[in-house]
Amino acid sequence: MLPIFQRLDRARFTIHAYAEVAHPDAATRLFKDASDVWRPTVGLNDAQIAHKIIEDRIDILVILAAHLDENRPFVARCRPAPI
């Protein structure tokens, strides 16, 4: 996903990242630097994250989380974005 973040046409798209990262590392920094808006989500529940997504007026939401570890795939159940 990092190459997509880095090469996306910023004249047409803005990347908002909602990051469930308790212990940032070098990969975290790369994604943060490639994002226009970085929102940490540690300590928030799914509804709170969904509310932030709605507030940010996100049109297309891509959930990169797997069903492993402390990722947040169930935020999508709240339908915080039209696509």
PDB file of N, CA and C in Angstrom:
ATOM      1  N   MET A   1       0.810  -1.209   0.000  1.00  0.00           N
ATOM      2  CA  MET A   1       0.000   0.000   0.000  1.00  0.00           C
ATOM      3  C   MET A   1       0.843   1.258   0.000  1.00  0.00           C
ATOM      4  N   LEU A   2       2.043   1.200   0.536  1.00  0.00           N
ATOM      5  CA  LEU A   2       2.863   2.403   0.627  1.00  0.00           C
ATOM      6  C   LEU A   2       3.088   3.059  -0.736  1.00  0.00           C
ATOM      7  N   PRO A   3       3.406   2.318  -1.793  1.00  0.00           N
ATOM      8  CA  PRO A   3       3.574   2.970  -3.098  1.00  0.00           C
ATOM      9  C   PRO A   3       2.311   3.698  -3.566  1.00  0.00           C
ATOM     10  N   ILE A   4       1.156   3.161  -3.241  1.00  0.00           N
ATOM     11  CA  ILE A   4      -0.091   3.839  -3.607  1.00  0.00           C
ATOM     12  C   ILE A   4      -0.205   5.144  -2.837  1.00  0.00           C
ATOM     13  N   PHE A   5       0.071   5.103  -1.543  1.00  0.00           N
ATOM     14  CA  PHE A   5       0.047   6.324  -0.733  1.00  0.00           C
ATOM     15  C   PHE A   5       0.998   7.365  -1.319  1.00  0.00           C
ATOM     16  N   GLN A   6       2.171   6.937  -1.690  1.00  0.00           N
ATOM     17  CA  GLN A   6       3.201   7.869  -2.153  1.00  0.00           C
ATOM     18  C   GLN A   6       2.939   8.423  -3.550  1.00  0.00           C
ATOM     19  N   ARG A   7       2.222   7.685  -4.380  1.00  0.00           N
ATOM     20  CA  ARG A   7       2.044   8.094  -5.778  1.00  0.00           C
ATOM     21  C   ARG A   7       0.643   8.596  -6.122  1.00  0.00           C
ATOM     22  N   LEU A   8      -0.247   8.603  -5.181  1.00  0.00           N
ATOM     23  CA  LEU A   8      -1.611   9.049  -5.448  1.00  0.00           C
ATOM     24  C   LEU A   8      -1.620  10.516  -5.865  1.00  0.00           C
ATOM     25  N   ASP A   9      -2.416  10.842  -6.850  1.00  0.00           N
ATOM     26  CA  ASP A   9      -2.522  12.206  -7.367  1.00  0.00           C
ATOM     27  C   ASP A   9      -3.150  13.107  -6.297  1.00  0.00           C
ATOM     28  N   ARG A  10      -2.324  13.906  -5.628  1.00  0.00           N
ATOM     29  CA  ARG A  10      -2.801  14.752  -4.533  1.00  0.00           C
ATOM     30  C   ARG A  10      -3.651  15.919  -5.017  1.00  0.00           C
ATOM     31  N   ALA A  11      -3.664  16.186  -6.307  1.00  0.00           N
ATOM     32  CA  ALA A  11      -4.566  17.204  -6.839  1.00  0.00           C
ATOM     33  C   ALA A  11      -6.003  16.677  -6.859  1.00  0.00           C
ATOM     34  N   ARG A  12      -6.148  15.353  -6.833  1.00  0.00           N
ATOM     35  CA  ARG A  12      -7.472  14.736  -6.908  1.00  0.00           C
ATOM     36  C   ARG A  12      -7.902  14.045  -5.618  1.00  0.00           C
ATOM     37  N   PHE A  13      -6.920  13.621  -4.810  1.00  0.00           N
ATOM     38  CA  PHE A  13      -7.227  12.837  -3.619  1.00  0.00           C
ATOM     39  C   PHE A  13      -6.419  13.330  -2.419  1.00  0.00           C
ATOM     40  N   THR A  14      -7.017  13.184  -1.251  1.00  0.00           N
ATOM     41  CA  THR A  14      -6.339  13.462   0.010  1.00  0.00           C
ATOM     42  C   THR A  14      -6.358  12.175   0.822  1.00  0.00           C
ATOM     43  N   ILE A  15      -5.233  11.815   1.384  1.00  0.00           N
ATOM     44  CA  ILE A  15      -5.157  10.604   2.188  1.00  0.00           C
ATOM     45  C   ILE A  15      -5.278  10.958   3.661  1.00  0.00           C
ATOM     46  N   HIS A  16      -6.320  10.409   4.282  1.00  0.00           N
ATOM     47  CA  HIS A  16      -6.506  10.487   5.726  1.00  0.00           C
ATOM     48  C   HIS A  16      -6.230   9.088   6.249  1.00  0.00           C
ATOM     49  N   ALA A  17      -5.303   8.947   7.158  1.00  0.00           N
ATOM     50  CA  ALA A  17      -4.992   7.643   7.739  1.00  0.00           C
ATOM     51  C   ALA A  17      -5.456   7.617   9.184  1.00  0.00           C
ATOM     52  N   TYR A  18      -6.189   6.580   9.525  1.00  0.00           N
ATOM     53  CA  TYR A  18      -6.657   6.361  10.896  1.00  0.00           C
ATOM     54  C   TYR A  18      -5.855   5.174  11.406  1.00  0.00           C
ATOM     55  N   ALA A  19      -4.932   5.436  12.299  1.00  0.00           N
ATOM     56  CA  ALA A  19      -3.901   4.460  12.636  1.00  0.00           C
ATOM     57  C   ALA A  19      -4.050   3.882  14.032  1.00  0.00           C
ATOM     58  N   GLU A  20      -4.267   2.593  14.087  1.00  0.00           N
ATOM     59  CA  GLU A  20      -4.324   1.861  15.346  1.00  0.00           C
ATOM     60  C   GLU A  20      -2.915   1.329  15.623  1.00  0.00           C
ATOM     61  N   VAL A  21      -2.031   2.248  16.017  1.00  0.00           N
ATOM     62  CA  VAL A  21      -0.616   1.919  16.204  1.00  0.00           C
ATOM     63  C   VAL A  21      -0.182   2.358  17.600  1.00  0.00           C
ATOM     64  N   ALA A  22      -0.052   1.372  18.478  1.00  0.00           N
ATOM     65  CA  ALA A  22       0.350   1.674  19.848  1.00  0.00           C
ATOM     66  C   ALA A  22       1.848   1.934  19.960  1.00  0.00           C
ATOM     67  N   HIS A  23       2.621   1.278  19.105  1.00  0.00           N
ATOM     68  CA  HIS A  23       4.078   1.402  19.153  1.00  0.00           C
ATOM     69  C   HIS A  23       4.603   1.708  17.757  1.00  0.00           C
ATOM     70  N   PRO A  24       4.654   2.987  17.384  1.00  0.00           N
ATOM     71  CA  PRO A  24       5.110   3.362  16.036  1.00  0.00           C
ATOM     72  C   PRO A  24       6.532   2.877  15.766  1.00  0.00           C
ATOM     73  N   ASP A  25       6.772   2.532  14.503  1.00  0.00           N
ATOM     74  CA  ASP A  25       8.104   2.100  14.092  1.00  0.00           C
ATOM     75  C   ASP A  25       8.457   2.798  12.776  1.00  0.00           C
ATOM     76  N   ALA A  26       9.481   2.341  12.110  1.00  0.00           N
ATOM     77  CA  ALA A  26       9.923   2.975  10.863  1.00  0.00           C
ATOM     78  C   ALA A  26       8.847   2.899   9.785  1.00  0.00           C
ATOM     79  N   ALA A  27       8.138   1.788   9.703  1.00  0.00           N
ATOM     80  CA  ALA A  27       7.062   1.660   8.714  1.00  0.00           C
ATOM     81  C   ALA A  27       5.937   2.646   9.012  1.00  0.00           C
ATOM     82  N   THR A  28       5.634   2.828  10.284  1.00  0.00           N
ATOM     83  CA  THR A  28       4.617   3.803  10.680  1.00  0.00           C
ATOM     84  C   THR A  28       4.993   5.188  10.177  1.00  0.00           C
ATOM     85  N   ARG A  29       6.244   5.563  10.338  1.00  0.00           N
ATOM     86  CA  ARG A  29       6.721   6.880   9.905  1.00  0.00           C
ATOM     87  C   ARG A  29       6.559   7.043   8.391  1.00  0.00           C
ATOM     88  N   LEU A  30       6.837   6.002   7.625  1.00  0.00           N
ATOM     89  CA  LEU A  30       6.693   6.080   6.169  1.00  0.00           C
ATOM     90  C   LEU A  30       5.239   6.342   5.781  1.00  0.00           C
ATOM     91  N   PHE A  31       4.307   5.620   6.402  1.00  0.00           N
ATOM     92  CA  PHE A  31       2.894   5.826   6.099  1.00  0.00           C
ATOM     93  C   PHE A  31       2.417   7.189   6.587  1.00  0.00           C
ATOM     94  N   LYS A  32       2.882   7.595   7.748  1.00  0.00           N
ATOM     95  CA  LYS A  32       2.492   8.911   8.277  1.00  0.00           C
ATOM     96  C   LYS A  32       2.987  10.018   7.345  1.00  0.00           C
ATOM     97  N   ASP A  33       4.221   9.911   6.899  1.00  0.00           N
ATOM     98  CA  ASP A  33       4.785  10.919   6.000  1.00  0.00           C
ATOM     99  C   ASP A  33       4.075  10.947   4.646  1.00  0.00           C
ATOM    100  N   ALA A  34       3.535   9.803   4.232  1.00  0.00           N
ATOM    101  CA  ALA A  34       2.853   9.718   2.937  1.00  0.00           C
ATOM    102  C   ALA A  34       1.376  10.098   3.026  1.00  0.00           C
ATOM    103  N   SER A  35       0.896  10.406   4.230  1.00  0.00           N
ATOM    104  CA  SER A  35      -0.509  10.770   4.440  1.00  0.00           C
ATOM    105  C   SER A  35      -0.646  12.276   4.582  1.00  0.00           C
ATOM    106  N   ASP A  36      -1.796  12.788   4.168  1.00  0.00           N
ATOM    107  CA  ASP A  36      -2.078  14.211   4.348  1.00  0.00           C
ATOM    108  C   ASP A  36      -2.559  14.495   5.768  1.00  0.00           C
ATOM    109  N   VAL A  37      -3.336  13.559   6.306  1.00  0.00           N
ATOM    110  CA  VAL A  37      -3.880  13.678   7.659  1.00  0.00           C
ATOM    111  C   VAL A  37      -3.632  12.347   8.353  1.00  0.00           C
ATOM    112  N   TRP A  38      -3.083  12.396   9.553  1.00  0.00           N
ATOM    113  CA  TRP A  38      -2.786  11.197  10.334  1.00  0.00           C
ATOM    114  C   TRP A  38      -3.564  11.262  11.631  1.00  0.00           C
ATOM    115  N   ARG A  39      -4.434  10.296  11.869  1.00  0.00           N
ATOM    116  CA  ARG A  39      -5.238  10.288  13.083  1.00  0.00           C
ATOM    117  C   ARG A  39      -4.984   9.006  13.881  1.00  0.00           C
ATOM    118  N   PRO A  40      -4.325   9.121  15.015  1.00  0.00           N
ATOM    119  CA  PRO A  40      -4.169   7.943  15.877  1.00  0.00           C
ATOM    120  C   PRO A  40      -5.530   7.517  16.426  1.00  0.00           C
ATOM    121  N   THR A  41      -5.762   6.211  16.511  1.00  0.00           N
ATOM    122  CA  THR A  41      -7.051   5.713  16.993  1.00  0.00           C
ATOM    123  C   THR A  41      -6.938   4.872  18.260  1.00  0.00           C
ATOM    124  N   VAL A  42      -5.723   4.708  18.783  1.00  0.00           N
ATOM    125  CA  VAL A  42      -5.539   3.914  19.999  1.00  0.00           C
ATOM    126  C   VAL A  42      -6.344   4.554  21.128  1.00  0.00           C
ATOM    127  N   GLY A  43      -7.138   3.745  21.805  1.00  0.00           N
ATOM    128  CA  GLY A  43      -7.953   4.228  22.912  1.00  0.00           C
ATOM    129  C   GLY A  43      -9.363   4.623  22.502  1.00  0.00           C
ATOM    130  N   LEU A  44      -9.641   4.651  21.206  1.00  0.00           N
ATOM    131  CA  LEU A  44     -10.986   4.980  20.725  1.00  0.00           C
ATOM    132  C   LEU A  44     -11.738   3.698  20.397  1.00  0.00           C
ATOM    133  N   ASN A  45     -13.050   3.707  20.592  1.00  0.00           N
ATOM    134  CA  ASN A  45     -13.836   2.549  20.167  1.00  0.00           C
ATOM    135  C   ASN A  45     -14.249   2.715  18.703  1.00  0.00           C
ATOM    136  N   ASP A  46     -14.852   1.685  18.131  1.00  0.00           N
ATOM    137  CA  ASP A  46     -15.197   1.719  16.712  1.00  0.00           C
ATOM    138  C   ASP A  46     -16.142   2.876  16.374  1.00  0.00           C
ATOM    139  N   ALA A  47     -17.108   3.132  17.222  1.00  0.00           N
ATOM    140  CA  ALA A  47     -18.055   4.223  16.973  1.00  0.00           C
ATOM    141  C   ALA A  47     -17.354   5.578  16.979  1.00  0.00           C
ATOM    142  N   GLN A  48     -16.403   5.762  17.881  1.00  0.00           N
ATOM    143  CA  GLN A  48     -15.655   7.030  17.928  1.00  0.00           C
ATOM    144  C   GLN A  48     -14.813   7.218  16.667  1.00  0.00           C
ATOM    145  N   ILE A  49     -14.200   6.148  16.205  1.00  0.00           N
ATOM    146  CA  ILE A  49     -13.414   6.234  14.972  1.00  0.00           C
ATOM    147  C   ILE A  49     -14.334   6.544  13.796  1.00  0.00           C
ATOM    148  N   ALA A  50     -15.458   5.856  13.728  1.00  0.00           N
ATOM    149  CA  ALA A  50     -16.426   6.108  12.652  1.00  0.00           C
ATOM    150  C   ALA A  50     -16.874   7.568  12.668  1.00  0.00           C
ATOM    151  N   HIS A  51     -17.107   8.114  13.849  1.00  0.00           N
ATOM    152  CA  HIS A  51     -17.515   9.514  13.965  1.00  0.00           C
ATOM    153  C   HIS A  51     -16.440  10.450  13.408  1.00  0.00           C
ATOM    154  N   LYS A  52     -15.169  10.162  13.702  1.00  0.00           N
ATOM    155  CA  LYS A  52     -14.074  10.983  13.159  1.00  0.00           C
ATOM    156  C   LYS A  52     -14.043  10.897  11.632  1.00  0.00           C
ATOM    157  N   ILE A  53     -14.275   9.716  11.089  1.00  0.00           N
ATOM    158  CA  ILE A  53     -14.296   9.536   9.639  1.00  0.00           C
ATOM    159  C   ILE A  53     -15.425  10.362   9.032  1.00  0.00           C
ATOM    160  N   ILE A  54     -16.580  10.331   9.669  1.00  0.00           N
ATOM    161  CA  ILE A  54     -17.720  11.137   9.208  1.00  0.00           C
ATOM    162  C   ILE A  54     -17.388  12.623   9.285  1.00  0.00           C
ATOM    163  N   GLU A  55     -16.807  13.061  10.403  1.00  0.00           N
ATOM    164  CA  GLU A  55     -16.424  14.468  10.567  1.00  0.00           C
ATOM    165  C   GLU A  55     -15.429  14.907   9.478  1.00  0.00           C
ATOM    166  N   ASP A  56     -14.539  13.997   9.088  1.00  0.00           N
ATOM    167  CA  ASP A  56     -13.543  14.315   8.058  1.00  0.00           C
ATOM    168  C   ASP A  56     -14.126  14.269   6.645  1.00  0.00           C
ATOM    169  N   ARG A  57     -15.395  13.888   6.531  1.00  0.00           N
ATOM    170  CA  ARG A  57     -16.109  13.856   5.257  1.00  0.00           C
ATOM    171  C   ARG A  57     -15.385  12.971   4.234  1.00  0.00           C
ATOM    172  N   ILE A  58     -15.026  11.780   4.677  1.00  0.00           N
ATOM    173  CA  ILE A  58     -14.353  10.823   3.816  1.00  0.00           C
ATOM    174  C   ILE A  58     -15.356  10.261   2.814  1.00  0.00           C
ATOM    175  N   ASP A  59     -14.986  10.264   1.532  1.00  0.00           N
ATOM    176  CA  ASP A  59     -15.857   9.742   0.481  1.00  0.00           C
ATOM    177  C   ASP A  59     -15.617   8.264   0.213  1.00  0.00           C
ATOM    178  N   ILE A  60     -14.352   7.861   0.233  1.00  0.00           N
ATOM    179  CA  ILE A  60     -13.985   6.468  -0.046  1.00  0.00           C
ATOM    180  C   ILE A  60     -13.136   5.976   1.116  1.00  0.00           C
ATOM    181  N   LEU A  61     -13.615   4.950   1.786  1.00  0.00           N
ATOM    182  CA  LEU A  61     -12.895   4.395   2.929  1.00  0.00           C
ATOM    183  C   LEU A  61     -12.339   3.032   2.545  1.00  0.00           C
ATOM    184  N   VAL A  62     -11.048   2.867   2.707  1.00  0.00           N
ATOM    185  CA  VAL A  62     -10.392   1.590   2.446  1.00  0.00           C
ATOM    186  C   VAL A  62      -9.864   1.080   3.778  1.00  0.00           C
ATOM    187  N   ILE A  63     -10.371  -0.066   4.195  1.00  0.00           N
ATOM    188  CA  ILE A  63      -9.932  -0.663   5.448  1.00  0.00           C
ATOM    189  C   ILE A  63      -8.762  -1.591   5.135  1.00  0.00           C
ATOM    190  N   LEU A  64      -7.593  -1.262   5.655  1.00  0.00           N
ATOM    191  CA  LEU A  64      -6.404  -2.071   5.411  1.00  0.00           C
ATOM    192  C   LEU A  64      -6.176  -3.097   6.504  1.00  0.00           C
ATOM    193  N   ALA A  65      -6.971  -3.063   7.541  1.00  0.00           N
ATOM    194  CA  ALA A  65      -6.779  -3.954   8.675  1.00  0.00           C
ATOM    195  C   ALA A  65      -7.207  -5.375   8.345  1.00  0.00           C
ATOM    196  N   ALA A  66      -6.434  -6.300   8.822  1.00  0.00           N
ATOM    197  CA  ALA A  66      -6.812  -7.705   8.749  1.00  0.00           C
ATOM    198  C   ALA A  66      -7.603  -8.052  10.008  1.00  0.00           C
ATOM    199  N   HIS A  67      -8.028  -9.268  10.114  1.00  0.00           N
ATOM    200  CA  HIS A  67      -8.773  -9.687  11.307  1.00  0.00           C
ATOM    201  C   HIS A  67      -7.817 -10.213  12.372  1.00  0.00           C
ATOM    202  N   LEU A  68      -6.649  -9.643  12.440  1.00  0.00           N
ATOM    203  CA  LEU A  68      -5.608 -10.101  13.356  1.00  0.00           C
ATOM    204  C   LEU A  68      -5.169  -8.964  14.266  1.00  0.00           C
ATOM    205  N   ASP A  69      -4.484  -9.322  15.288  1.00  0.00           N
ATOM    206  CA  ASP A  69      -3.877  -8.364  16.202  1.00  0.00           C
ATOM    207  C   ASP A  69      -4.908  -7.364  16.720  1.00  0.00           C
ATOM    208  N   GLU A  70      -4.526  -6.092  16.760  1.00  0.00           N
ATOM    209  CA  GLU A  70      -5.423  -5.063  17.288  1.00  0.00           C
ATOM    210  C   GLU A  70      -5.917  -4.141  16.184  1.00  0.00           C
ATOM    211  N   ASN A  71      -6.076  -4.670  14.995  1.00  0.00           N
ATOM    212  CA  ASN A  71      -6.595  -3.874  13.886  1.00  0.00           C
ATOM    213  C   ASN A  71      -8.088  -3.616  14.095  1.00  0.00           C
ATOM    214  N   ARG A  72      -8.651  -2.719  13.307  1.00  0.00           N
ATOM    215  CA  ARG A  72     -10.029  -2.280  13.542  1.00  0.00           C
ATOM    216  C   ARG A  72     -10.928  -2.480  12.327  1.00  0.00           C
ATOM    217  N   PRO A  73     -11.073  -3.697  11.799  1.00  0.00           N
ATOM    218  CA  PRO A  73     -11.893  -3.886  10.603  1.00  0.00           C
ATOM    219  C   PRO A  73     -13.375  -3.635  10.826  1.00  0.00           C
ATOM    220  N   PHE A  74     -13.831  -3.710  12.076  1.00  0.00           N
ATOM    221  CA  PHE A  74     -15.259  -3.556  12.337  1.00  0.00           C
ATOM    222  C   PHE A  74     -15.748  -2.113  12.294  1.00  0.00           C
ATOM    223  N   VAL A  75     -14.844  -1.173  12.145  1.00  0.00           N
ATOM    224  CA  VAL A  75     -15.252   0.225  11.950  1.00  0.00           C
ATOM    225  C   VAL A  75     -16.141   0.320  10.708  1.00  0.00           C
ATOM    226  N   ALA A  76     -15.874  -0.511   9.717  1.00  0.00           N
ATOM    227  CA  ALA A  76     -16.646  -0.491   8.474  1.00  0.00           C
ATOM    228  C   ALA A  76     -18.114  -0.813   8.701  1.00  0.00           C
ATOM    229  N   ARG A  77     -18.426  -1.552   9.748  1.00  0.00           N
ATOM    230  CA  ARG A  77     -19.838  -1.880  10.043  1.00  0.00           C
ATOM    231  C   ARG A  77     -20.662  -0.623  10.290  1.00  0.00           C
ATOM    232  N   CYS A  78     -20.014   0.429  10.741  1.00  0.00           N
ATOM    233  CA  CYS A  78     -20.711   1.688  11.039  1.00  0.00           C
ATOM    234  C   CYS A  78     -21.041   2.467   9.762  1.00  0.00           C
ATOM    235  N   ARG A  79     -20.476   2.061   8.633  1.00  0.00           N
ATOM    236  CA  ARG A  79     -20.700   2.722   7.341  1.00  0.00           C
ATOM    237  C   ARG A  79     -20.407   4.229   7.410  1.00  0.00           C
ATOM    238  N   PRO A  80     -19.187   4.601   7.821  1.00  0.00           N
ATOM    239  CA  PRO A  80     -18.871   6.020   7.984  1.00  0.00           C
ATOM    240  C   PRO A  80     -18.572   6.767   6.688  1.00  0.00           C
ATOM    241  N   ALA A  81     -18.500   6.050   5.561  1.00  0.00           N
ATOM    242  CA  ALA A  81     -18.233   6.685   4.270  1.00  0.00           C
ATOM    243  C   ALA A  81     -19.140   6.048   3.214  1.00  0.00           C
ATOM    244  N   PRO A  82     -19.510   6.829   2.185  1.00  0.00           N
ATOM    245  CA  PRO A  82     -20.420   6.284   1.158  1.00  0.00           C
ATOM    246  C   PRO A  82     -19.850   5.095   0.380  1.00  0.00           C
ATOM    247  N   ILE A  83     -18.547   5.111   0.152  1.00  0.00           N
ATOM    248  CA  ILE A  83     -17.928   4.008  -0.606  1.00  0.00           C
ATOM    249  C   ILE A  83     -16.807   3.428   0.240  1.00  0.00           C
TER     250      ILE A  83
END
